[in-house]
Protein backbone atom coordinates (compact mmCIF):
# COMPACT_ATOMS: atom_id res chain seq x y z
CA MET A 1 -0.69 19.94 2.56
CA ASN A 2 -0.67 19.98 6.33
CA ILE A 3 -1.17 16.45 7.64
CA SER A 4 -0.66 17.24 11.31
CA LYS A 5 -3.27 15.33 13.33
CA SER A 6 -4.41 13.44 10.21
CA LYS A 7 -4.90 9.70 10.22
CA VAL A 8 -2.86 8.25 7.35
CA LEU A 9 -2.99 4.63 6.15
CA VAL A 10 0.02 3.53 4.10
CA ILE A 11 -0.53 0.21 2.31
CA GLY A 12 2.90 -1.14 1.46
CA GLY A 13 4.28 0.78 4.45
CA SER A 14 6.58 -1.94 5.75
CA SER A 15 9.45 -1.23 3.34
CA GLY A 16 10.77 0.93 0.51
CA LEU A 17 8.84 4.02 -0.55
CA GLY A 18 5.92 3.19 1.74
CA LEU A 19 8.15 3.04 4.80
CA GLY A 20 9.75 6.35 3.85
CA ILE A 21 6.34 7.96 3.40
CA ALA A 22 5.17 6.60 6.77
CA LYS A 23 8.26 8.03 8.49
CA GLU A 24 7.71 11.43 6.87
CA CYS A 25 4.06 11.43 7.94
CA VAL A 26 5.08 10.70 11.55
CA LEU A 27 7.62 13.55 11.41
CA ASN A 28 4.72 15.78 10.35
CA LYS A 29 2.69 14.65 13.37
CA ALA A 30 0.19 12.43 11.57
CA LYS A 31 -1.26 9.32 13.16
CA VAL A 32 0.09 6.53 10.93
CA ILE A 33 -1.08 3.00 10.25
CA ILE A 34 1.06 0.84 7.99
CA ALA A 35 -0.27 -2.26 6.26
CA SER A 36 1.18 -5.08 4.15
CA ARG A 37 1.11 -8.88 3.86
CA SER A 38 4.11 -9.62 6.11
CA GLU A 39 3.50 -9.25 9.82
CA GLU A 40 7.23 -9.73 10.49
CA LYS A 41 8.14 -6.82 8.18
CA LEU A 42 5.36 -4.71 9.69
CA GLN A 43 6.67 -5.32 13.22
CA LYS A 44 10.22 -4.34 12.21
CA ALA A 45 8.99 -1.25 10.37
CA THR A 46 6.85 -0.17 13.33
CA LEU A 47 9.91 -0.35 15.59
CA GLU A 48 11.93 1.61 13.04
CA ILE A 49 9.29 4.33 12.68
CA GLY A 50 8.69 4.54 16.40
CA THR A 51 6.13 6.65 18.24
CA SER A 52 2.62 5.23 18.25
CA THR A 53 2.59 3.86 14.71
CA GLN A 54 0.19 0.96 14.33
CA TYR A 55 0.09 -1.82 11.77
CA GLN A 56 -2.41 -4.16 10.17
CA VAL A 57 -1.80 -7.20 8.02
CA VAL A 58 -3.60 -7.06 4.67
CA ASP A 59 -3.51 -9.03 1.45
CA ILE A 60 -4.95 -6.71 -1.18
CA SER A 61 -5.58 -9.61 -3.54
CA LEU A 62 -8.34 -10.72 -1.13
CA LYS A 63 -11.37 -8.47 -0.84
CA GLN A 64 -12.24 -9.91 2.59
CA SER A 65 -8.78 -8.95 3.86
CA ILE A 66 -9.32 -5.36 2.64
CA LEU A 67 -12.74 -5.20 4.32
CA TYR A 68 -11.19 -6.44 7.57
CA LEU A 69 -8.44 -3.80 7.29
CA PHE A 70 -10.99 -0.99 7.16
CA GLN A 71 -13.06 -2.54 9.97
CA LYS A 72 -9.92 -2.26 12.10
CA THR A 73 -8.71 1.18 10.97
CA GLY A 74 -12.07 2.93 10.78
CA ALA A 75 -12.27 6.40 9.25
CA ILE A 76 -9.05 7.81 7.79
CA ASP A 77 -7.99 11.12 6.33
CA HIS A 78 -5.51 9.90 3.73
CA LEU A 79 -4.66 6.63 2.01
CA VAL A 80 -1.32 5.99 0.31
CA ILE A 81 -0.97 2.83 -1.78
CA THR A 82 2.58 1.78 -2.56
CA SER A 83 2.09 -1.96 -2.49
CA GLY A 84 2.56 -4.04 -5.57
CA PHE A 85 3.78 -7.31 -6.98
CA VAL A 86 6.66 -7.73 -9.37
CA THR A 87 6.68 -10.93 -11.43
CA GLY A 88 10.30 -10.45 -12.47
CA LYS A 89 10.37 -12.74 -15.51
CA PRO A 90 11.04 -12.01 -19.16
CA PHE A 91 7.76 -11.80 -21.06
CA ASP A 92 8.55 -14.98 -23.04
CA ASP A 93 8.89 -16.91 -19.75
CA LEU A 94 5.74 -15.45 -18.20
CA SER A 95 2.88 -17.91 -17.74
CA GLU A 96 -0.76 -16.92 -17.83
CA SER A 97 -0.91 -17.77 -14.13
CA ASP A 98 1.97 -15.35 -13.40
CA ALA A 99 0.28 -12.61 -15.39
CA ARG A 100 -3.07 -13.18 -13.67
CA GLU A 101 -1.44 -13.03 -10.21
CA ASP A 102 0.31 -9.80 -11.15
CA PHE A 103 -2.93 -8.27 -12.44
CA GLU A 104 -4.92 -9.51 -9.43
CA ILE A 105 -2.70 -7.53 -7.06
CA ASN A 106 -1.55 -4.59 -9.17
CA PHE A 107 -4.90 -3.77 -10.71
CA TRP A 108 -7.79 -5.45 -8.87
CA GLY A 109 -6.14 -5.17 -5.46
CA LYS A 110 -5.66 -1.43 -5.80
CA PHE A 111 -9.10 -1.04 -7.38
CA ASN A 112 -10.78 -2.86 -4.47
CA VAL A 113 -8.75 -0.98 -1.85
CA SER A 114 -9.80 2.31 -3.42
CA LYS A 115 -13.49 1.37 -3.70
CA ILE A 116 -13.65 0.21 -0.09
CA ALA A 117 -11.50 3.09 1.21
CA ALA A 118 -13.76 5.67 -0.41
CA GLU A 119 -16.42 4.83 2.18
CA HIS A 120 -13.93 5.41 5.02
CA ILE A 121 -12.11 8.57 3.92
CA LYS A 122 -13.17 11.74 5.67
CA SER A 123 -14.31 14.76 3.67
CA GLY A 124 -11.28 16.55 2.20
CA GLY A 125 -9.18 13.36 2.37
CA SER A 126 -7.15 11.76 -0.40
CA ILE A 127 -6.02 8.57 -2.09
CA THR A 128 -2.48 8.61 -3.48
CA TYR A 129 -0.98 5.89 -5.68
CA ILE A 130 2.79 5.49 -5.82
CA SER A 131 4.09 3.67 -8.90
CA GLY A 132 7.78 3.46 -8.07
CA ALA A 133 10.89 3.47 -10.20
CA PHE A 134 9.47 1.44 -13.10
CA ALA A 135 7.31 4.40 -14.10
CA LYS A 136 10.45 6.31 -15.16
CA LYS A 137 12.86 3.50 -15.97
CA PRO A 138 11.06 0.41 -17.26
CA ASN A 139 12.52 -3.02 -16.67
CA PRO A 140 12.12 -5.54 -19.52
CA ASP A 141 11.57 -8.35 -16.97
CA VAL A 142 8.65 -6.69 -15.24
CA PHE A 143 5.10 -7.28 -16.39
CA ILE A 144 3.12 -4.24 -17.54
CA THR A 145 0.87 -3.80 -14.47
CA SER A 146 3.90 -3.24 -12.23
CA SER A 147 4.75 0.09 -13.78
């Protein structure tokens, strides 16, 4: 797929796979916006990526934060979602509160981002979900929605 001149939003773009994807998109001449919860990490990532990369702070567990993100970014061509939350506790030590927080971000957050994004993605655009390493090599201390 040729993404030259496309506007790409990478949620979770301040580190890890998301940062790598954002860098690759810039190399392919896309206009890139990265988003995550940490403004400090976003600022560092933007400097690392260079060019005219922009960033927006978003907490995908909060619908209002997602709505604000799309008010700021406007129409996009492609959305990549790499963000997630890892509880990192053995199942026996996991509280209901931990599990609900995990599910709130890893299921409902991505669901709400996708629903809201659908109204802002140009014809022929895409939504891509990145699951990360746990999809191939599960970790016994990671709750099910993280994989």
